[in-house]
Every structure is written in C-alpha cells, then in structure tokens.
C-alpha cells in the first residue's frame, strides 16, 4: 500500500492507504507530485495525518525523508505538520523535527488536531 493525498482550500492532506511499509520511492513519488503541482503563489501547507498508522520507520529512514523534503522545498517554501495519536509516533515526529531544524521547510509534530490546524494557520484542517 502507499500514500494518498488530497487538496482542499490550500491544504494538502497525506494519509496512508492501508498498512504502509516504508518505501522511499512511494514517499518520493507522493511528495514530488504534491510539490510539483503547487503553483508557488503561497506557502505550501501539508498535513500528514498519521493517526491510524502502525508505521514505525528507523532513524536512517527518517533522515532520508527529511533529505527528500529539503530537496523538494528548496524551490517551494513549505510547512509540514505531522498529526499522530500514538506516543511512539510522537517521538519519531520529534526526531523528524530535530533533523529538519536547518532545512528550508518548517516541520512540527502534534497529537492535537486543533494545535496542528493553528500551526498551519488554518481552522478545521484535520477534522
């Protein structure tokens, strides 16, 4: 299975399609399509909804995702919010956040959809 993305009112939401096994090619394809279809007129806002996930990547995989997002966001300024429910995913999200500190995109992890929406500058994005 892979990742599904949808766009609504300037926000792109990415969710897993079933049981997602980390495959950088799937991640690259999904995010490359998102970034290439953005018109660049404003900040690209991405909500990664990981609330129903059992996805648990290792540290090298997390670093590869950050490198991928950094490459894509060099030309398209972006803000990515990771929304999780499991404590282990919150911890993995904090690792992603630490890895992305000096990158050309903004990243944060949340366990509350209202806080994720506020950080993205949106209302009701994760409902």
N, C-alpha and C. Protein backbone atom coordinates (compact mmCIF):
# COMPACT_ATOMS: atom_id res chain seq x y z
N UNK A 1 0.83 -1.17 0.00
CA UNK A 1 0.00 0.00 0.00
C UNK A 1 0.88 1.23 0.00
N UNK A 2 0.27 2.39 -0.26
CA UNK A 2 1.04 3.60 -0.37
C UNK A 2 0.44 4.75 0.39
N UNK A 3 0.67 5.92 -0.13
CA UNK A 3 0.18 7.15 0.46
C UNK A 3 -0.84 7.78 -0.47
N UNK A 4 -1.88 8.34 0.11
CA UNK A 4 -2.89 9.08 -0.65
C UNK A 4 -2.81 10.54 -0.25
N UNK A 5 -2.98 11.41 -1.21
CA UNK A 5 -3.01 12.83 -0.90
C UNK A 5 -4.25 13.47 -1.51
N UNK A 6 -4.73 14.50 -0.83
CA UNK A 6 -5.86 15.26 -1.34
C UNK A 6 -5.62 16.72 -1.00
N UNK A 7 -6.20 17.59 -1.79
CA UNK A 7 -6.02 19.02 -1.58
C UNK A 7 -7.38 19.67 -1.42
N UNK A 8 -7.44 20.56 -0.43
CA UNK A 8 -8.69 21.28 -0.18
C UNK A 8 -8.36 22.65 0.37
N UNK A 9 -8.78 23.68 -0.33
CA UNK A 9 -8.65 25.05 0.13
C UNK A 9 -7.23 25.39 0.56
N UNK A 10 -6.24 25.04 -0.25
CA UNK A 10 -4.86 25.41 0.02
C UNK A 10 -4.10 24.51 0.97
N UNK A 11 -4.72 23.43 1.39
CA UNK A 11 -4.07 22.49 2.30
C UNK A 11 -4.02 21.11 1.64
N UNK A 12 -2.85 20.50 1.66
CA UNK A 12 -2.70 19.14 1.16
C UNK A 12 -2.66 18.21 2.36
N UNK A 13 -3.49 17.18 2.33
CA UNK A 13 -3.51 16.19 3.39
C UNK A 13 -2.99 14.88 2.83
N UNK A 14 -2.05 14.27 3.56
CA UNK A 14 -1.47 12.99 3.16
C UNK A 14 -1.85 11.96 4.22
N UNK A 15 -2.41 10.84 3.78
CA UNK A 15 -2.75 9.74 4.68
C UNK A 15 -2.24 8.43 4.08
N UNK A 16 -2.06 7.46 4.94
CA UNK A 16 -1.64 6.14 4.48
C UNK A 16 -2.82 5.39 3.91
N UNK A 17 -2.55 4.63 2.87
CA UNK A 17 -3.56 3.79 2.24
C UNK A 17 -3.32 2.37 2.73
N UNK A 18 -3.97 1.99 3.84
CA UNK A 18 -3.78 0.64 4.40
C UNK A 18 -2.50 0.55 5.21
N UNK A 19 -1.94 -0.65 5.30
CA UNK A 19 -0.70 -0.87 6.04
C UNK A 19 0.47 -0.41 5.20
N UNK A 20 1.10 0.68 5.62
CA UNK A 20 2.18 1.28 4.85
C UNK A 20 3.52 0.75 5.34
N UNK A 21 4.26 0.11 4.46
CA UNK A 21 5.63 -0.28 4.75
C UNK A 21 6.51 0.77 4.11
N UNK A 22 7.47 1.30 4.87
CA UNK A 22 8.29 2.39 4.36
C UNK A 22 8.94 2.01 3.04
N UNK A 23 8.67 2.82 2.07
CA UNK A 23 9.29 2.70 0.76
C UNK A 23 9.58 4.13 0.31
N UNK A 24 10.86 4.49 0.31
CA UNK A 24 11.22 5.86 -0.03
C UNK A 24 10.69 6.24 -1.41
N UNK A 25 10.60 5.29 -2.32
CA UNK A 25 10.07 5.59 -3.65
C UNK A 25 8.62 6.07 -3.56
N UNK A 26 7.79 5.43 -2.72
CA UNK A 26 6.40 5.88 -2.54
C UNK A 26 6.35 7.27 -1.94
N UNK A 27 7.18 7.49 -0.92
CA UNK A 27 7.22 8.81 -0.28
C UNK A 27 7.69 9.86 -1.28
N UNK A 28 8.75 9.56 -2.02
CA UNK A 28 9.28 10.48 -3.02
C UNK A 28 8.23 10.79 -4.07
N UNK A 29 7.57 9.76 -4.60
CA UNK A 29 6.56 9.96 -5.65
C UNK A 29 5.41 10.84 -5.16
N UNK A 30 4.91 10.53 -3.97
CA UNK A 30 3.78 11.28 -3.42
C UNK A 30 4.14 12.74 -3.20
N UNK A 31 5.27 12.97 -2.53
CA UNK A 31 5.64 14.34 -2.21
C UNK A 31 6.15 15.10 -3.44
N UNK A 32 6.78 14.42 -4.37
CA UNK A 32 7.20 15.09 -5.62
C UNK A 32 5.97 15.59 -6.37
N UNK A 33 4.94 14.79 -6.42
CA UNK A 33 3.70 15.21 -7.09
C UNK A 33 3.08 16.40 -6.38
N UNK A 34 3.06 16.36 -5.05
CA UNK A 34 2.49 17.47 -4.28
C UNK A 34 3.25 18.77 -4.56
N UNK A 35 4.58 18.70 -4.47
CA UNK A 35 5.39 19.90 -4.66
C UNK A 35 5.31 20.40 -6.11
N UNK A 36 5.33 19.50 -7.08
CA UNK A 36 5.32 19.93 -8.48
C UNK A 36 3.97 20.50 -8.90
N UNK A 37 2.89 20.11 -8.24
CA UNK A 37 1.58 20.63 -8.61
C UNK A 37 1.23 21.93 -7.88
N UNK A 38 2.08 22.33 -6.94
CA UNK A 38 1.83 23.59 -6.21
C UNK A 38 2.22 24.77 -7.09
N UNK A 39 1.35 25.78 -7.16
CA UNK A 39 1.62 26.92 -8.05
C UNK A 39 2.64 27.90 -7.50
N UNK A 40 3.03 27.76 -6.24
CA UNK A 40 4.08 28.59 -5.68
C UNK A 40 3.65 29.99 -5.28
N UNK A 41 2.36 30.29 -5.37
CA UNK A 41 1.90 31.63 -5.05
C UNK A 41 1.86 31.89 -3.54
N UNK A 42 1.82 30.85 -2.77
CA UNK A 42 1.84 30.99 -1.31
C UNK A 42 2.51 29.76 -0.69
N UNK A 43 2.70 29.81 0.60
CA UNK A 43 3.33 28.75 1.34
C UNK A 43 2.56 27.44 1.15
N UNK A 44 3.26 26.37 0.83
CA UNK A 44 2.64 25.05 0.68
C UNK A 44 2.41 24.46 2.07
N UNK A 45 1.17 24.15 2.37
CA UNK A 45 0.79 23.60 3.68
C UNK A 45 0.43 22.13 3.51
N UNK A 46 1.10 21.28 4.30
CA UNK A 46 0.88 19.84 4.19
C UNK A 46 0.59 19.28 5.58
N UNK A 47 -0.53 18.58 5.70
CA UNK A 47 -0.87 17.87 6.92
C UNK A 47 -0.66 16.38 6.67
N UNK A 48 0.25 15.77 7.40
CA UNK A 48 0.48 14.33 7.29
C UNK A 48 -0.32 13.69 8.42
N UNK A 49 -1.44 13.09 8.07
CA UNK A 49 -2.35 12.51 9.07
C UNK A 49 -1.95 11.05 9.31
N UNK A 50 -1.27 10.85 10.41
CA UNK A 50 -0.71 9.54 10.76
C UNK A 50 -1.50 8.91 11.91
N UNK A 51 -2.71 9.37 12.15
CA UNK A 51 -3.46 8.93 13.33
C UNK A 51 -3.85 7.46 13.30
N UNK A 52 -4.05 6.87 12.15
CA UNK A 52 -4.46 5.48 12.10
C UNK A 52 -3.34 4.54 11.73
N UNK A 53 -2.13 5.00 11.84
CA UNK A 53 -0.97 4.29 11.31
C UNK A 53 -0.30 3.36 12.30
N UNK A 54 0.32 2.34 11.74
CA UNK A 54 1.22 1.49 12.52
C UNK A 54 2.65 1.64 12.00
N UNK A 55 2.86 2.64 11.15
CA UNK A 55 4.14 2.94 10.52
C UNK A 55 5.19 3.27 11.59
N UNK A 56 6.34 2.62 11.53
CA UNK A 56 7.39 2.84 12.51
C UNK A 56 8.76 2.76 11.85
N UNK A 57 9.17 3.83 11.15
CA UNK A 57 10.44 3.80 10.42
C UNK A 57 11.65 3.87 11.35
N UNK A 58 12.78 3.41 10.84
CA UNK A 58 14.02 3.52 11.61
C UNK A 58 14.64 4.90 11.38
N UNK A 59 15.69 5.19 12.15
CA UNK A 59 16.33 6.51 12.09
C UNK A 59 16.87 6.85 10.70
N UNK A 60 17.56 5.93 10.00
CA UNK A 60 18.02 6.28 8.65
C UNK A 60 16.87 6.62 7.70
N UNK A 61 15.74 5.96 7.85
CA UNK A 61 14.57 6.26 7.01
C UNK A 61 14.03 7.65 7.31
N UNK A 62 14.03 8.04 8.58
CA UNK A 62 13.59 9.38 8.94
C UNK A 62 14.51 10.43 8.32
N UNK A 63 15.80 10.18 8.37
CA UNK A 63 16.76 11.12 7.77
C UNK A 63 16.55 11.23 6.26
N UNK A 64 16.27 10.10 5.60
CA UNK A 64 16.03 10.13 4.16
C UNK A 64 14.78 10.95 3.82
N UNK A 65 13.74 10.83 4.66
CA UNK A 65 12.53 11.63 4.42
C UNK A 65 12.83 13.11 4.56
N UNK A 66 13.59 13.48 5.58
CA UNK A 66 13.94 14.89 5.76
C UNK A 66 14.77 15.38 4.58
N UNK A 67 15.73 14.59 4.13
CA UNK A 67 16.54 14.97 2.96
C UNK A 67 15.66 15.16 1.72
N UNK A 68 14.70 14.27 1.55
CA UNK A 68 13.77 14.38 0.41
C UNK A 68 12.98 15.67 0.50
N UNK A 69 12.36 15.94 1.66
CA UNK A 69 11.57 17.16 1.83
C UNK A 69 12.44 18.40 1.66
N UNK A 70 13.68 18.35 2.13
CA UNK A 70 14.58 19.50 2.00
C UNK A 70 14.85 19.80 0.52
N UNK A 71 15.10 18.76 -0.25
CA UNK A 71 15.33 18.95 -1.68
C UNK A 71 14.13 19.52 -2.39
N UNK A 72 12.96 19.02 -2.06
CA UNK A 72 11.74 19.49 -2.71
C UNK A 72 11.38 20.91 -2.29
N UNK A 73 11.63 21.24 -1.04
CA UNK A 73 11.22 22.55 -0.53
C UNK A 73 12.22 23.64 -0.83
N UNK A 74 13.35 23.31 -1.43
CA UNK A 74 14.33 24.34 -1.79
C UNK A 74 13.71 25.37 -2.74
N UNK A 75 12.83 24.93 -3.63
CA UNK A 75 12.18 25.82 -4.59
C UNK A 75 10.76 26.20 -4.18
N UNK A 76 10.17 25.44 -3.27
CA UNK A 76 8.79 25.68 -2.85
C UNK A 76 8.74 25.76 -1.32
N UNK A 77 8.65 26.94 -0.75
CA UNK A 77 8.56 27.06 0.70
C UNK A 77 7.36 26.26 1.23
N UNK A 78 7.58 25.53 2.31
CA UNK A 78 6.51 24.67 2.81
C UNK A 78 6.54 24.54 4.32
N UNK A 79 5.40 24.12 4.81
CA UNK A 79 5.21 23.85 6.23
C UNK A 79 4.50 22.51 6.32
N UNK A 80 5.11 21.54 7.04
CA UNK A 80 4.55 20.21 7.18
C UNK A 80 4.21 19.95 8.65
N UNK A 81 2.97 19.53 8.89
CA UNK A 81 2.53 19.16 10.23
C UNK A 81 2.23 17.67 10.24
N UNK A 82 2.79 16.97 11.20
CA UNK A 82 2.54 15.55 11.39
C UNK A 82 1.56 15.39 12.54
N UNK A 83 0.42 14.76 12.28
CA UNK A 83 -0.62 14.55 13.28
C UNK A 83 -0.64 13.08 13.66
N UNK A 84 -0.42 12.80 14.95
CA UNK A 84 -0.30 11.42 15.43
C UNK A 84 -1.19 11.20 16.65
N UNK A 85 -1.42 9.92 16.97
CA UNK A 85 -2.11 9.58 18.20
C UNK A 85 -1.25 8.69 19.11
N UNK A 86 -0.35 7.95 18.53
CA UNK A 86 0.49 7.03 19.31
C UNK A 86 1.73 7.75 19.84
N UNK A 87 2.09 7.45 21.08
CA UNK A 87 3.27 8.09 21.70
C UNK A 87 4.54 7.80 20.91
N UNK A 88 4.69 6.58 20.40
CA UNK A 88 5.89 6.24 19.63
C UNK A 88 5.98 7.11 18.38
N UNK A 89 4.86 7.40 17.75
CA UNK A 89 4.86 8.25 16.56
C UNK A 89 5.18 9.70 16.92
N UNK A 90 4.74 10.13 18.10
CA UNK A 90 5.09 11.48 18.54
C UNK A 90 6.61 11.57 18.71
N UNK A 91 7.21 10.55 19.29
CA UNK A 91 8.66 10.52 19.46
C UNK A 91 9.39 10.51 18.12
N UNK A 92 8.91 9.72 17.18
CA UNK A 92 9.50 9.70 15.84
C UNK A 92 9.34 11.07 15.17
N UNK A 93 8.19 11.69 15.38
CA UNK A 93 7.96 13.02 14.83
C UNK A 93 8.91 14.05 15.42
N UNK A 94 9.21 13.93 16.69
CA UNK A 94 10.18 14.84 17.32
C UNK A 94 11.57 14.64 16.72
N UNK A 95 11.90 13.39 16.37
CA UNK A 95 13.18 13.15 15.68
C UNK A 95 13.18 13.84 14.33
N UNK A 96 12.09 13.71 13.57
CA UNK A 96 11.97 14.41 12.28
C UNK A 96 12.12 15.91 12.47
N UNK A 97 11.50 16.43 13.50
CA UNK A 97 11.56 17.86 13.78
C UNK A 97 13.01 18.28 14.07
N UNK A 98 13.72 17.49 14.85
CA UNK A 98 15.13 17.80 15.15
C UNK A 98 15.99 17.73 13.90
N UNK A 99 15.77 16.71 13.07
CA UNK A 99 16.55 16.55 11.84
C UNK A 99 16.29 17.70 10.86
N UNK A 100 15.13 18.31 10.94
CA UNK A 100 14.76 19.33 9.95
C UNK A 100 15.04 20.76 10.40
N UNK A 101 15.71 20.93 11.52
CA UNK A 101 15.91 22.27 12.07
C UNK A 101 16.59 23.24 11.11
N UNK A 102 17.55 22.81 10.34
CA UNK A 102 18.27 23.71 9.43
C UNK A 102 17.85 23.52 7.97
N UNK A 103 16.68 23.01 7.76
CA UNK A 103 16.18 22.74 6.42
C UNK A 103 15.32 23.90 5.91
N UNK A 104 15.09 23.96 4.61
CA UNK A 104 14.30 25.06 4.04
C UNK A 104 12.79 24.91 4.22
N UNK A 105 12.33 23.95 5.00
CA UNK A 105 10.91 23.79 5.28
C UNK A 105 10.72 23.82 6.79
N UNK A 106 9.47 24.05 7.21
CA UNK A 106 9.13 24.02 8.62
C UNK A 106 8.39 22.72 8.91
N UNK A 107 8.71 22.09 10.04
CA UNK A 107 8.09 20.82 10.39
C UNK A 107 7.78 20.82 11.89
N UNK A 108 6.62 20.28 12.23
CA UNK A 108 6.25 20.11 13.63
C UNK A 108 5.33 18.90 13.76
N UNK A 109 5.35 18.29 14.94
CA UNK A 109 4.51 17.13 15.21
C UNK A 109 3.48 17.51 16.28
N UNK A 110 2.27 16.96 16.12
CA UNK A 110 1.17 17.28 17.01
C UNK A 110 0.36 16.03 17.34
N UNK A 111 -0.20 16.01 18.53
CA UNK A 111 -1.16 14.96 18.88
C UNK A 111 -2.56 15.56 18.99
N UNK A 112 -2.68 16.84 18.75
CA UNK A 112 -3.96 17.54 18.83
C UNK A 112 -4.24 18.21 17.48
N UNK A 113 -5.37 17.87 16.87
CA UNK A 113 -5.67 18.40 15.54
C UNK A 113 -5.90 19.91 15.56
N UNK A 114 -6.42 20.46 16.65
CA UNK A 114 -6.63 21.90 16.75
C UNK A 114 -5.30 22.65 16.75
N UNK A 115 -4.32 22.11 17.47
CA UNK A 115 -3.00 22.75 17.51
C UNK A 115 -2.30 22.63 16.16
N UNK A 116 -2.45 21.49 15.50
CA UNK A 116 -1.87 21.32 14.16
C UNK A 116 -2.49 22.33 13.21
N UNK A 117 -3.80 22.48 13.27
CA UNK A 117 -4.51 23.45 12.41
C UNK A 117 -4.03 24.87 12.66
N UNK A 118 -3.89 25.22 13.94
CA UNK A 118 -3.44 26.57 14.27
C UNK A 118 -2.01 26.81 13.77
N UNK A 119 -1.14 25.83 13.91
CA UNK A 119 0.25 25.97 13.46
C UNK A 119 0.31 26.13 11.94
N UNK A 120 -0.58 25.44 11.25
CA UNK A 120 -0.64 25.56 9.80
C UNK A 120 -1.34 26.86 9.37
N UNK A 121 -1.91 27.57 10.35
CA UNK A 121 -2.61 28.81 10.02
C UNK A 121 -3.98 28.55 9.44
N UNK A 122 -4.56 27.42 9.81
CA UNK A 122 -5.86 27.00 9.26
C UNK A 122 -6.81 26.73 10.41
N UNK A 123 -8.09 26.64 10.09
CA UNK A 123 -9.09 26.20 11.03
C UNK A 123 -9.73 24.95 10.47
N UNK A 124 -9.97 23.95 11.32
CA UNK A 124 -10.65 22.72 10.94
C UNK A 124 -9.96 21.95 9.83
N UNK A 125 -8.62 21.95 9.78
CA UNK A 125 -7.92 21.24 8.72
C UNK A 125 -7.91 19.74 8.95
N UNK A 126 -7.93 19.31 10.19
CA UNK A 126 -7.75 17.88 10.47
C UNK A 126 -9.06 17.20 10.86
N UNK A 127 -10.15 17.88 10.77
CA UNK A 127 -11.43 17.29 11.20
C UNK A 127 -11.90 16.24 10.25
